[in-house]
Protein backbone atom coordinates (compact mmCIF):
# COMPACT_ATOMS: atom_id res chain seq x y z
CA GLN A 1 -0.15 -26.12 17.48
CA VAL A 2 2.24 -23.40 16.42
CA GLN A 3 1.06 -19.92 17.43
CA PRO A 4 3.81 -17.36 17.66
CA VAL A 5 3.15 -14.37 19.90
CA GLU A 6 5.00 -11.07 19.75
CA PHE A 7 5.96 -8.97 22.76
CA GLY A 8 7.61 -5.62 23.28
CA GLY A 9 5.59 -3.18 21.24
CA GLY A 10 4.59 0.19 22.60
CA LEU A 11 4.95 3.94 22.28
CA VAL A 12 8.38 5.45 21.78
CA GLN A 13 9.69 8.84 20.75
CA ALA A 14 11.46 9.34 17.46
CA GLY A 15 15.11 8.38 17.79
CA GLY A 16 14.34 5.84 20.47
CA SER A 17 14.70 2.07 20.55
CA LEU A 18 12.53 -0.97 21.13
CA ARG A 19 13.14 -4.69 21.16
CA LEU A 20 10.42 -6.98 19.94
CA SER A 21 10.45 -10.65 20.79
CA CYS A 22 8.48 -13.52 19.37
CA ARG A 23 8.00 -16.89 20.99
CA GLY A 24 5.76 -19.89 20.58
CA PHE A 25 7.08 -21.38 17.38
CA GLY A 26 7.30 -24.82 18.94
CA PHE A 27 10.24 -25.88 16.80
CA ALA A 28 13.95 -25.27 16.63
CA PHE A 29 14.97 -22.46 14.33
CA GLY A 30 17.58 -24.51 12.54
CA ARG A 31 17.46 -23.61 8.87
CA ASN A 32 13.82 -22.53 8.95
CA ALA A 33 13.09 -19.21 7.30
CA MET A 34 12.07 -16.61 9.85
CA GLY A 35 10.88 -13.09 9.26
CA TRP A 36 9.54 -9.85 10.63
CA PHE A 37 6.87 -7.92 8.77
CA ARG A 38 4.90 -4.78 9.46
CA GLN A 39 1.68 -3.18 8.37
CA ALA A 40 1.03 0.52 8.76
CA PRO A 41 -2.51 1.89 8.79
CA GLY A 42 -3.91 1.96 5.27
CA LYS A 43 -0.90 0.20 3.79
CA GLU A 44 -0.06 -3.33 2.73
CA ARG A 45 2.01 -5.62 4.90
CA GLU A 46 5.69 -5.36 4.04
CA GLY A 47 8.78 -7.32 4.92
CA VAL A 48 11.22 -5.85 7.41
CA SER A 49 13.75 -8.63 7.77
CA CYS A 50 14.18 -12.27 6.90
CA ALA A 51 16.68 -14.69 8.33
CA SER A 52 17.92 -18.21 8.71
CA ILE A 53 19.01 -18.11 12.32
CA GLY A 54 20.73 -21.47 12.24
CA GLU A 55 22.81 -20.43 9.25
CA ASN A 56 23.44 -16.89 10.57
CA ILE A 57 21.94 -15.36 7.43
CA THR A 58 19.98 -12.12 7.69
CA TYR A 59 18.54 -9.65 5.19
CA TYR A 60 16.88 -6.29 5.71
CA ALA A 61 14.62 -4.03 3.72
CA ASP A 62 16.27 -0.78 2.68
CA TYR A 63 13.95 1.27 4.86
CA VAL A 64 15.28 -0.36 8.06
CA LYS A 65 18.81 -1.34 7.09
CA GLY A 66 21.35 -0.09 9.58
CA ARG A 67 18.67 0.59 12.21
CA PHE A 68 17.05 -2.81 12.81
CA THR A 69 18.73 -6.09 13.72
CA VAL A 70 17.16 -9.54 13.84
CA SER A 71 18.52 -12.23 16.12
CA GLY A 72 17.39 -15.44 17.71
CA ASP A 73 17.90 -17.45 20.85
CA SER A 74 17.95 -20.97 19.47
CA ALA A 75 17.96 -22.55 22.92
CA LYS A 76 14.73 -20.78 23.86
CA ASN A 77 13.28 -20.49 20.34
CA ILE A 78 12.78 -16.75 20.69
CA LEU A 79 13.11 -14.44 17.71
CA TYR A 80 14.06 -10.82 18.32
CA LEU A 81 13.90 -7.59 16.38
CA HIS A 82 16.07 -4.84 17.79
CA MET A 83 14.89 -1.47 16.49
CA SER A 84 16.85 1.73 16.95
CA SER A 85 16.77 5.28 15.57
CA LEU A 86 13.04 4.84 15.20
CA LYS A 87 11.12 7.18 12.94
CA PRO A 88 7.42 8.07 12.88
CA GLU A 89 7.15 6.18 9.60
CA ASP A 90 8.10 2.99 11.47
CA THR A 91 4.71 3.13 13.19
CA ALA A 92 2.93 -0.12 12.36
CA VAL A 93 1.76 -3.46 13.63
CA TYR A 94 4.76 -5.76 13.59
CA TYR A 95 4.41 -9.49 12.92
CA CYS A 96 6.83 -12.35 13.23
CA ALA A 97 6.56 -15.24 10.82
CA ALA A 98 8.06 -18.61 9.98
CA GLY A 99 8.00 -20.44 6.70
CA TYR A 100 10.09 -21.51 3.74
CA GLY A 101 12.57 -19.67 1.59
CA LEU A 102 14.14 -16.29 2.11
CA PHE A 103 12.84 -13.77 -0.42
CA VAL A 104 15.23 -10.99 -1.33
CA ALA A 105 14.56 -8.37 -4.01
CA PRO A 106 16.01 -4.89 -4.57
CA GLY A 107 15.06 -3.00 -1.44
CA HIS A 108 12.61 -5.60 -0.18
CA VAL A 109 12.69 -8.84 1.77
CA GLY A 110 10.24 -11.49 2.91
CA LEU A 111 9.54 -15.20 2.93
CA ASN A 112 8.57 -17.22 -0.13
CA VAL A 113 5.97 -19.11 1.90
CA VAL A 114 4.67 -18.10 5.32
CA LYS A 115 3.42 -21.03 7.34
CA HIS A 116 2.90 -19.31 10.67
CA TRP A 117 2.05 -15.71 11.51
CA GLY A 118 2.23 -14.08 14.88
CA GLN A 119 -0.70 -12.09 16.16
CA GLY A 120 1.07 -8.75 15.85
CA THR A 121 2.25 -6.08 18.25
CA HIS A 122 1.71 -2.33 17.86
CA VAL A 123 4.65 0.02 17.61
CA THR A 124 3.94 3.73 17.66
CA VAL A 125 6.72 6.25 17.13
CA SER A 126 5.87 9.82 18.07
CA SER A 127 7.58 12.81 16.50
């Protein structure tokens, strides 16, 4: 059974950095579509980044571009999200996901179909 679990969330001051990791996919990344999403209190879940790790393809939403980087350890099947220059508006529950198809629209990213969601990890950025 595939049940991804995120690690690395916590409290950080504005301008700081965090690295989230996600493991438990149970399959090689290959050309699978992988993604990071977030949901802030009172808001809808939104895409942060989507990627095909095996093809070295990554996309980012405008609101994190230049600050966040997604990567993967294919040998260990761990997906990472490196977050820097964090802002209070980045406060949210962050989810990793795997599925089919990279979705890219002006300013927004995601997956066409999400097959597996992680359980989420809280990131709080204080001002």
